Amino acid sequence: MIIEDGKFVELKYKILDKKTNDVLSEVEFPLGYIQGISEILSPEVTAELVGQVEGDIVKMPVDIDLIYGPRDESLVTTMPLDGLSEDLRKVGTMIPMENEKGERINFTVIQINENSVTVDGNNPLCGRDVIFVLEVVTVREPTHEEARLGGPVDDVMPGLKNMQSIH
């Protein structure tokens, strides 16, 4: 069976840094969606999947600026270390904050020194040249319930919310 609109598809994916070939992100379990209905992948990604079958591996460069916008240096800020709990004082830690519009943004701790911490509110992929490597695990007709809901039922696919970041 081939991927086309209306088919239930499960994928595994990883995102590679184009220059270093380092894995920047990876799912350990299949991500399920319905082609042409679920909006968990960018249109550029789903367009590349049309015509693929189970077992196919698709490698494609993705312009991160089209997905997240260009890197915004105003989202990199330094703040006093005082008042920041010990559990947040580690490079790589995510700190949820709100912008002036009240929208939640996750800032990542990128540097710590004696008196301050530097955080970055850009998506960690911003400013990188990346390649998506998608492995087609399943292609089938959706169940009645999947078709009605437009995607996986329940939390059968716990990574669904995590994939929101790639579109």
N, C-alpha and C. Protein backbone atom coordinates (compact mmCIF):
# COMPACT_ATOMS: atom_id res chain seq x y z
N MET A 1 0.84 -1.17 0.00
CA MET A 1 0.00 0.00 0.00
C MET A 1 0.90 1.24 0.00
N ILE A 2 0.52 2.25 -0.77
CA ILE A 2 1.33 3.46 -0.87
C ILE A 2 0.71 4.60 -0.06
N ILE A 3 1.56 5.55 0.33
CA ILE A 3 1.07 6.72 1.04
C ILE A 3 0.35 7.63 0.05
N GLU A 4 -0.91 7.91 0.39
CA GLU A 4 -1.73 8.86 -0.35
C GLU A 4 -2.75 9.42 0.62
N ASP A 5 -3.45 10.47 0.22
CA ASP A 5 -4.43 11.09 1.10
C ASP A 5 -5.40 10.06 1.66
N GLY A 6 -5.65 10.17 2.97
CA GLY A 6 -6.59 9.30 3.64
C GLY A 6 -5.98 8.04 4.24
N LYS A 7 -4.71 7.75 3.95
CA LYS A 7 -4.06 6.56 4.51
C LYS A 7 -3.49 6.87 5.89
N PHE A 8 -3.59 5.89 6.79
CA PHE A 8 -2.96 6.00 8.10
C PHE A 8 -1.49 5.63 7.92
N VAL A 9 -0.61 6.49 8.41
CA VAL A 9 0.83 6.31 8.24
C VAL A 9 1.51 6.39 9.60
N GLU A 10 2.47 5.50 9.81
CA GLU A 10 3.33 5.59 10.99
C GLU A 10 4.76 5.76 10.51
N LEU A 11 5.45 6.70 11.15
CA LEU A 11 6.83 7.02 10.78
C LEU A 11 7.72 7.02 12.01
N LYS A 12 8.97 6.69 11.79
CA LYS A 12 10.02 7.01 12.74
C LYS A 12 10.83 8.09 12.05
N TYR A 13 11.41 8.99 12.82
CA TYR A 13 12.20 10.02 12.18
C TYR A 13 13.39 10.41 13.05
N LYS A 14 14.36 11.01 12.38
CA LYS A 14 15.44 11.68 13.08
C LYS A 14 15.82 12.90 12.27
N ILE A 15 16.37 13.87 12.97
CA ILE A 15 16.81 15.10 12.34
C ILE A 15 18.31 15.17 12.50
N LEU A 16 19.00 15.30 11.36
CA LEU A 16 20.46 15.35 11.36
C LEU A 16 20.96 16.75 11.04
N ASP A 17 22.06 17.13 11.67
CA ASP A 17 22.74 18.36 11.31
C ASP A 17 23.44 18.09 9.97
N LYS A 18 23.14 18.90 8.98
CA LYS A 18 23.66 18.66 7.62
C LYS A 18 25.18 18.72 7.57
N LYS A 19 25.80 19.60 8.38
CA LYS A 19 27.25 19.77 8.34
C LYS A 19 27.98 18.65 9.08
N THR A 20 27.48 18.29 10.27
CA THR A 20 28.21 17.33 11.11
C THR A 20 27.65 15.92 11.06
N ASN A 21 26.42 15.77 10.54
CA ASN A 21 25.70 14.49 10.52
C ASN A 21 25.29 14.02 11.92
N ASP A 22 25.41 14.91 12.93
CA ASP A 22 24.98 14.58 14.29
C ASP A 22 23.46 14.49 14.34
N VAL A 23 22.94 13.55 15.16
CA VAL A 23 21.50 13.44 15.36
C VAL A 23 21.08 14.52 16.35
N LEU A 24 20.20 15.43 15.91
CA LEU A 24 19.73 16.52 16.75
C LEU A 24 18.45 16.17 17.48
N SER A 25 17.65 15.30 16.89
CA SER A 25 16.39 14.89 17.48
C SER A 25 16.00 13.55 16.86
N GLU A 26 15.29 12.74 17.63
CA GLU A 26 14.91 11.41 17.13
C GLU A 26 13.72 10.90 17.93
N VAL A 27 12.80 10.20 17.27
CA VAL A 27 11.73 9.53 18.00
C VAL A 27 12.06 8.05 18.12
N GLU A 28 11.71 7.48 19.26
CA GLU A 28 12.02 6.07 19.52
C GLU A 28 10.82 5.18 19.24
N PHE A 29 9.70 5.78 18.90
CA PHE A 29 8.47 5.03 18.66
C PHE A 29 7.81 5.62 17.43
N PRO A 30 7.00 4.84 16.73
CA PRO A 30 6.36 5.38 15.53
C PRO A 30 5.37 6.51 15.83
N LEU A 31 5.36 7.49 14.97
CA LEU A 31 4.43 8.61 15.02
C LEU A 31 3.34 8.34 14.00
N GLY A 32 2.08 8.39 14.43
CA GLY A 32 0.98 8.09 13.51
C GLY A 32 0.19 9.32 13.12
N TYR A 33 -0.28 9.34 11.90
CA TYR A 33 -1.11 10.43 11.39
C TYR A 33 -1.87 9.92 10.17
N ILE A 34 -2.82 10.71 9.70
CA ILE A 34 -3.54 10.38 8.47
C ILE A 34 -3.12 11.37 7.40
N GLN A 35 -2.54 10.85 6.32
CA GLN A 35 -2.03 11.68 5.22
C GLN A 35 -3.14 12.57 4.67
N GLY A 36 -2.83 13.86 4.57
CA GLY A 36 -3.77 14.82 4.00
C GLY A 36 -4.81 15.32 4.98
N ILE A 37 -4.86 14.76 6.19
CA ILE A 37 -5.86 15.18 7.17
C ILE A 37 -5.19 15.73 8.43
N SER A 38 -4.32 14.94 9.04
CA SER A 38 -3.63 15.39 10.25
C SER A 38 -2.60 16.45 9.88
N GLU A 39 -2.47 17.45 10.71
CA GLU A 39 -1.54 18.54 10.43
C GLU A 39 -0.37 18.52 11.40
N ILE A 40 0.29 17.39 11.51
CA ILE A 40 1.42 17.30 12.44
C ILE A 40 2.75 17.46 11.75
N LEU A 41 2.77 17.38 10.44
CA LEU A 41 3.99 17.55 9.68
C LEU A 41 3.81 18.72 8.72
N SER A 42 4.90 19.37 8.37
CA SER A 42 4.78 20.48 7.43
C SER A 42 4.35 19.96 6.07
N PRO A 43 3.67 20.78 5.28
CA PRO A 43 3.24 20.35 3.94
C PRO A 43 4.39 19.88 3.06
N GLU A 44 5.57 20.49 3.23
CA GLU A 44 6.74 20.08 2.44
C GLU A 44 7.13 18.64 2.76
N VAL A 45 7.02 18.26 4.04
CA VAL A 45 7.39 16.91 4.45
C VAL A 45 6.35 15.91 3.94
N THR A 46 5.06 16.19 4.15
CA THR A 46 4.04 15.23 3.72
C THR A 46 4.01 15.08 2.21
N ALA A 47 4.33 16.14 1.48
CA ALA A 47 4.36 16.05 0.01
C ALA A 47 5.44 15.06 -0.43
N GLU A 48 6.57 15.03 0.27
CA GLU A 48 7.65 14.10 -0.07
C GLU A 48 7.28 12.65 0.23
N LEU A 49 6.32 12.43 1.11
CA LEU A 49 5.96 11.07 1.51
C LEU A 49 4.96 10.41 0.56
N VAL A 50 4.26 11.20 -0.25
CA VAL A 50 3.28 10.64 -1.18
C VAL A 50 3.98 9.65 -2.12
N GLY A 51 3.40 8.47 -2.22
CA GLY A 51 3.94 7.44 -3.11
C GLY A 51 4.91 6.49 -2.43
N GLN A 52 5.31 6.78 -1.19
CA GLN A 52 6.22 5.90 -0.47
C GLN A 52 5.45 4.70 0.08
N VAL A 53 6.18 3.63 0.41
CA VAL A 53 5.58 2.41 0.95
C VAL A 53 6.31 2.01 2.23
N GLU A 54 5.73 1.05 2.96
CA GLU A 54 6.36 0.55 4.18
C GLU A 54 7.80 0.16 3.91
N GLY A 55 8.69 0.57 4.82
CA GLY A 55 10.10 0.24 4.70
C GLY A 55 10.93 1.30 3.98
N ASP A 56 10.27 2.20 3.24
CA ASP A 56 11.01 3.26 2.55
C ASP A 56 11.63 4.22 3.56
N ILE A 57 12.78 4.75 3.21
CA ILE A 57 13.44 5.78 4.01
C ILE A 57 13.60 7.00 3.12
N VAL A 58 13.10 8.13 3.60
CA VAL A 58 13.14 9.37 2.85
C VAL A 58 14.07 10.33 3.57
N LYS A 59 15.07 10.84 2.85
CA LYS A 59 15.98 11.84 3.40
C LYS A 59 15.71 13.14 2.66
N MET A 60 15.47 14.19 3.43
CA MET A 60 15.18 15.46 2.78
C MET A 60 15.70 16.63 3.60
N PRO A 61 16.35 17.57 2.93
CA PRO A 61 16.73 18.79 3.64
C PRO A 61 15.47 19.60 3.92
N VAL A 62 15.44 20.26 5.06
CA VAL A 62 14.28 21.07 5.43
C VAL A 62 14.78 22.46 5.83
N ASP A 63 14.13 23.48 5.30
CA ASP A 63 14.47 24.86 5.64
C ASP A 63 13.79 25.20 6.96
N ILE A 64 14.56 25.17 8.03
CA ILE A 64 14.02 25.42 9.36
C ILE A 64 13.41 26.82 9.46
N ASP A 65 13.95 27.79 8.73
CA ASP A 65 13.39 29.14 8.75
C ASP A 65 11.93 29.16 8.30
N LEU A 66 11.57 28.28 7.36
CA LEU A 66 10.17 28.22 6.90
C LEU A 66 9.26 27.65 7.98
N ILE A 67 9.81 26.82 8.86
CA ILE A 67 9.01 26.19 9.90
C ILE A 67 8.92 27.07 11.14
N TYR A 68 10.06 27.55 11.62
CA TYR A 68 10.11 28.31 12.87
C TYR A 68 10.40 29.78 12.70
N GLY A 69 10.70 30.20 11.49
CA GLY A 69 11.14 31.58 11.28
C GLY A 69 12.64 31.66 11.50
N PRO A 70 13.22 32.79 11.10
CA PRO A 70 14.67 32.94 11.28
C PRO A 70 15.04 33.06 12.76
N ARG A 71 16.26 32.76 13.05
CA ARG A 71 16.77 32.89 14.42
C ARG A 71 16.59 34.34 14.87
N ASP A 72 16.11 34.54 16.09
CA ASP A 72 15.85 35.86 16.65
C ASP A 72 16.75 36.08 17.85
N GLU A 73 17.80 36.88 17.65
CA GLU A 73 18.78 37.11 18.72
C GLU A 73 18.17 37.83 19.92
N SER A 74 17.02 38.51 19.74
CA SER A 74 16.37 39.16 20.89
C SER A 74 15.81 38.13 21.87
N LEU A 75 15.73 36.85 21.45
CA LEU A 75 15.27 35.79 22.35
C LEU A 75 16.41 35.17 23.15
N VAL A 76 17.60 35.70 22.99
CA VAL A 76 18.74 35.27 23.80
C VAL A 76 18.97 36.35 24.84
N THR A 77 18.88 35.99 26.10
CA THR A 77 19.00 36.98 27.17
C THR A 77 19.77 36.41 28.36
N THR A 78 20.38 37.32 29.08
CA THR A 78 21.11 36.94 30.29
C THR A 78 20.38 37.52 31.48
N MET A 79 20.24 36.73 32.51
CA MET A 79 19.55 37.18 33.71
C MET A 79 20.33 36.74 34.95
N PRO A 80 20.06 37.40 36.09
CA PRO A 80 20.78 37.05 37.31
C PRO A 80 20.51 35.61 37.73
N LEU A 81 21.52 34.99 38.28
CA LEU A 81 21.40 33.62 38.76
C LEU A 81 20.52 33.56 40.02
N ASP A 82 20.55 34.65 40.80
CA ASP A 82 19.71 34.72 42.00
C ASP A 82 18.24 34.52 41.62
N GLY A 83 17.53 33.79 42.39
CA GLY A 83 16.12 33.56 42.13
C GLY A 83 15.84 32.39 41.22
N LEU A 84 16.86 31.83 40.61
CA LEU A 84 16.69 30.67 39.74
C LEU A 84 16.98 29.42 40.56
N SER A 85 16.00 28.55 40.68
CA SER A 85 16.17 27.36 41.52
C SER A 85 17.32 26.49 41.03
N GLU A 86 17.89 25.74 41.95
CA GLU A 86 19.05 24.89 41.65
C GLU A 86 18.78 23.91 40.52
N ASP A 87 17.56 23.35 40.46
CA ASP A 87 17.27 22.35 39.43
C ASP A 87 17.24 22.94 38.02
N LEU A 88 17.17 24.26 37.90
CA LEU A 88 17.17 24.90 36.58
C LEU A 88 18.55 25.42 36.19
N ARG A 89 19.52 25.24 37.04
CA ARG A 89 20.87 25.77 36.80
C ARG A 89 21.75 24.75 36.11
N LYS A 90 21.29 24.24 34.97
CA LYS A 90 22.06 23.28 34.18
C LYS A 90 21.89 23.62 32.71
N VAL A 91 22.99 23.59 31.97
CA VAL A 91 22.93 23.83 30.53
C VAL A 91 22.03 22.76 29.91
N GLY A 92 21.12 23.20 29.06
CA GLY A 92 20.18 22.28 28.40
C GLY A 92 18.81 22.24 29.06
N THR A 93 18.70 22.78 30.26
CA THR A 93 17.41 22.78 30.97
C THR A 93 16.44 23.73 30.27
N MET A 94 15.18 23.31 30.17
CA MET A 94 14.14 24.15 29.58
C MET A 94 13.43 24.91 30.69
N ILE A 95 13.25 26.22 30.48
CA ILE A 95 12.56 27.08 31.44
C ILE A 95 11.38 27.72 30.71
N PRO A 96 10.14 27.36 31.09
CA PRO A 96 8.97 27.99 30.44
C PRO A 96 8.80 29.44 30.92
N MET A 97 8.58 30.33 29.97
CA MET A 97 8.33 31.75 30.27
C MET A 97 7.22 32.23 29.35
N GLU A 98 6.71 33.43 29.63
CA GLU A 98 5.70 34.03 28.77
C GLU A 98 6.27 35.27 28.11
N ASN A 99 5.88 35.47 26.83
CA ASN A 99 6.30 36.69 26.15
C ASN A 99 5.29 37.80 26.46
N GLU A 100 5.50 38.96 25.86
CA GLU A 100 4.61 40.11 26.12
C GLU A 100 3.17 39.87 25.67
N LYS A 101 2.96 38.90 24.77
CA LYS A 101 1.61 38.57 24.31
C LYS A 101 0.95 37.52 25.19
N GLY A 102 1.67 37.04 26.21
CA GLY A 102 1.13 35.99 27.08
C GLY A 102 1.30 34.59 26.52
N GLU A 103 2.06 34.46 25.42
CA GLU A 103 2.31 33.15 24.83
C GLU A 103 3.45 32.48 25.57
N ARG A 104 3.32 31.17 25.77
CA ARG A 104 4.36 30.42 26.46
C ARG A 104 5.49 30.09 25.48
N ILE A 105 6.71 30.35 25.93
CA ILE A 105 7.90 30.04 25.15
C ILE A 105 8.85 29.28 26.08
N ASN A 106 9.41 28.20 25.59
CA ASN A 106 10.41 27.47 26.35
C ASN A 106 11.78 28.05 26.02
N PHE A 107 12.47 28.51 27.05
CA PHE A 107 13.83 28.99 26.91
C PHE A 107 14.76 27.89 27.37
N THR A 108 15.88 27.74 26.67
CA THR A 108 16.88 26.73 27.01
C THR A 108 18.08 27.41 27.63
N VAL A 109 18.53 26.88 28.76
CA VAL A 109 19.74 27.40 29.40
C VAL A 109 20.92 27.02 28.51
N ILE A 110 21.66 28.04 28.05
CA ILE A 110 22.79 27.77 27.15
C ILE A 110 24.14 28.08 27.79
N GLN A 111 24.14 28.87 28.89
CA GLN A 111 25.40 29.19 29.55
C GLN A 111 25.12 29.62 30.98
N ILE A 112 26.00 29.24 31.88
CA ILE A 112 25.90 29.63 33.29
C ILE A 112 27.28 30.10 33.73
N ASN A 113 27.32 31.22 34.45
CA ASN A 113 28.56 31.62 35.08
C ASN A 113 28.27 31.92 36.55
N GLU A 114 29.19 32.55 37.25
CA GLU A 114 29.05 32.77 38.69
C GLU A 114 27.79 33.52 39.08
N ASN A 115 27.43 34.55 38.30
CA ASN A 115 26.35 35.45 38.69
C ASN A 115 25.14 35.45 37.76
N SER A 116 25.25 34.81 36.60
CA SER A 116 24.15 34.92 35.64
C SER A 116 23.95 33.64 34.86
N VAL A 117 22.81 33.61 34.21
CA VAL A 117 22.46 32.49 33.34
C VAL A 117 22.00 33.09 32.01
N THR A 118 22.43 32.49 30.90
CA THR A 118 21.99 32.92 29.57
C THR A 118 21.03 31.88 29.03
N VAL A 119 19.88 32.37 28.56
CA VAL A 119 18.84 31.49 28.02
C VAL A 119 18.52 31.89 26.59
N ASP A 120 18.01 30.92 25.82
CA ASP A 120 17.70 31.13 24.41
C ASP A 120 16.29 30.63 24.14
N GLY A 121 15.42 31.52 23.65
CA GLY A 121 14.03 31.17 23.36
C GLY A 121 13.79 30.69 21.94
N ASN A 122 14.84 30.65 21.13
CA ASN A 122 14.70 30.12 19.77
C ASN A 122 14.56 28.61 19.83
N ASN A 123 13.87 28.04 18.87
CA ASN A 123 13.84 26.60 18.75
C ASN A 123 15.28 26.13 18.57
N PRO A 124 15.67 25.03 19.23
CA PRO A 124 17.06 24.56 19.12
C PRO A 124 17.52 24.27 17.69
N LEU A 125 16.59 24.08 16.76
CA LEU A 125 16.98 23.82 15.37
C LEU A 125 17.22 25.10 14.56
N CYS A 126 16.77 26.24 15.08
CA CYS A 126 16.92 27.51 14.34
C CYS A 126 18.38 27.78 14.03
N GLY A 127 18.59 28.23 12.81
CA GLY A 127 19.94 28.57 12.38
C GLY A 127 20.77 27.39 11.91
N ARG A 128 20.19 26.20 11.91
CA ARG A 128 20.92 25.00 11.48
C ARG A 128 20.42 24.53 10.12
N ASP A 129 21.33 23.94 9.36
CA ASP A 129 20.95 23.24 8.14
C ASP A 129 20.70 21.80 8.55
N VAL A 130 19.48 21.32 8.32
CA VAL A 130 19.13 19.98 8.79
C VAL A 130 18.60 19.10 7.66
N ILE A 131 18.68 17.81 7.92
CA ILE A 131 18.11 16.80 7.04
C ILE A 131 17.17 15.95 7.87
N PHE A 132 15.94 15.79 7.41
CA PHE A 132 15.00 14.88 8.05
C PHE A 132 15.19 13.51 7.42
N VAL A 133 15.27 12.49 8.25
CA VAL A 133 15.34 11.11 7.79
C VAL A 133 14.08 10.44 8.32
N LEU A 134 13.17 10.11 7.42
CA LEU A 134 11.88 9.54 7.78
C LEU A 134 11.82 8.09 7.32
N GLU A 135 11.48 7.20 8.24
CA GLU A 135 11.32 5.78 7.91
C GLU A 135 9.83 5.45 7.96
N VAL A 136 9.30 4.97 6.86
CA VAL A 136 7.88 4.60 6.80
C VAL A 136 7.73 3.22 7.46
N VAL A 137 7.02 3.20 8.58
CA VAL A 137 6.83 1.96 9.34
C VAL A 137 5.54 1.25 8.92
N THR A 138 4.46 2.02 8.76
CA THR A 138 3.14 1.45 8.45
C THR A 138 2.41 2.33 7.46
N VAL A 139 1.73 1.72 6.51
CA VAL A 139 0.78 2.40 5.64
C VAL A 139 -0.44 1.49 5.55
N ARG A 140 -1.61 2.01 5.95
CA ARG A 140 -2.83 1.19 5.93
C ARG A 140 -4.05 2.10 5.92
N GLU A 141 -5.20 1.48 5.74
CA GLU A 141 -6.45 2.21 5.87
C GLU A 141 -6.64 2.55 7.34
N PRO A 142 -7.13 3.74 7.66
CA PRO A 142 -7.39 4.07 9.07
C PRO A 142 -8.60 3.30 9.58
N THR A 143 -8.61 3.06 10.90
CA THR A 143 -9.81 2.49 11.49
C THR A 143 -10.91 3.53 11.44
N HIS A 144 -12.14 3.12 11.69
CA HIS A 144 -13.27 4.07 11.69
C HIS A 144 -13.01 5.19 12.70
N GLU A 145 -12.52 4.82 13.87
CA GLU A 145 -12.27 5.81 14.93
C GLU A 145 -11.14 6.76 14.55
N GLU A 146 -10.07 6.24 13.96
CA GLU A 146 -8.96 7.09 13.51
C GLU A 146 -9.44 8.07 12.44
N ALA A 147 -10.26 7.58 11.52
CA ALA A 147 -10.78 8.43 10.45
C ALA A 147 -11.68 9.52 11.03
N ARG A 148 -12.50 9.14 12.02
CA ARG A 148 -13.41 10.11 12.65
C ARG A 148 -12.63 11.19 13.39
N LEU A 149 -11.54 10.81 14.07
CA LEU A 149 -10.76 11.76 14.86
C LEU A 149 -9.66 12.45 14.05
N GLY A 150 -9.38 11.95 12.86
CA GLY A 150 -8.36 12.55 12.02
C GLY A 150 -6.94 12.17 12.40
N GLY A 151 -6.80 11.08 13.17
CA GLY A 151 -5.47 10.65 13.56
C GLY A 151 -5.53 9.52 14.57
N PRO A 152 -4.39 9.26 15.23
CA PRO A 152 -4.31 8.16 16.18
C PRO A 152 -5.33 8.31 17.31
N VAL A 153 -5.80 7.19 17.82
CA VAL A 153 -6.77 7.17 18.90
C VAL A 153 -6.04 7.12 20.24
N ASP A 154 -6.56 7.88 21.22
CA ASP A 154 -5.99 7.93 22.58
C ASP A 154 -4.55 8.39 22.54
N ASP A 155 -3.76 7.86 23.46
CA ASP A 155 -2.34 8.17 23.50
C ASP A 155 -1.54 7.00 22.96
N VAL A 156 -2.09 6.31 21.97
CA VAL A 156 -1.37 5.21 21.34
C VAL A 156 -0.05 5.72 20.78
N MET A 157 -0.05 6.97 20.33
CA MET A 157 1.16 7.60 19.78
C MET A 157 1.56 8.74 20.70
N PRO A 158 2.26 8.47 21.83
CA PRO A 158 2.60 9.53 22.76
C PRO A 158 3.51 10.60 22.18
N GLY A 159 4.18 10.36 21.09
CA GLY A 159 5.07 11.35 20.50
C GLY A 159 4.35 12.37 19.65
N LEU A 160 3.05 12.23 19.46
CA LEU A 160 2.31 13.14 18.59
C LEU A 160 2.50 14.59 19.00
N LYS A 161 2.38 14.89 20.29
CA LYS A 161 2.54 16.27 20.74
C LYS A 161 3.97 16.75 20.52
N ASN A 162 4.96 15.89 20.66
CA ASN A 162 6.34 16.28 20.44
C ASN A 162 6.59 16.63 18.99
N MET A 163 5.88 16.03 18.07
CA MET A 163 6.10 16.29 16.66
C MET A 163 5.59 17.65 16.24
N GLN A 164 4.75 18.28 17.07
CA GLN A 164 4.27 19.59 16.72
C GLN A 164 5.44 20.51 16.39
N SER A 165 6.59 20.24 16.97
CA SER A 165 7.73 21.10 16.76
C SER A 165 8.36 20.98 15.37
N ILE A 166 7.96 20.01 14.58
CA ILE A 166 8.59 19.92 13.26
C ILE A 166 7.69 20.41 12.14
N HIS A 167 6.70 21.13 12.44
CA HIS A 167 5.93 21.72 11.34
C HIS A 167 5.71 23.15 11.59
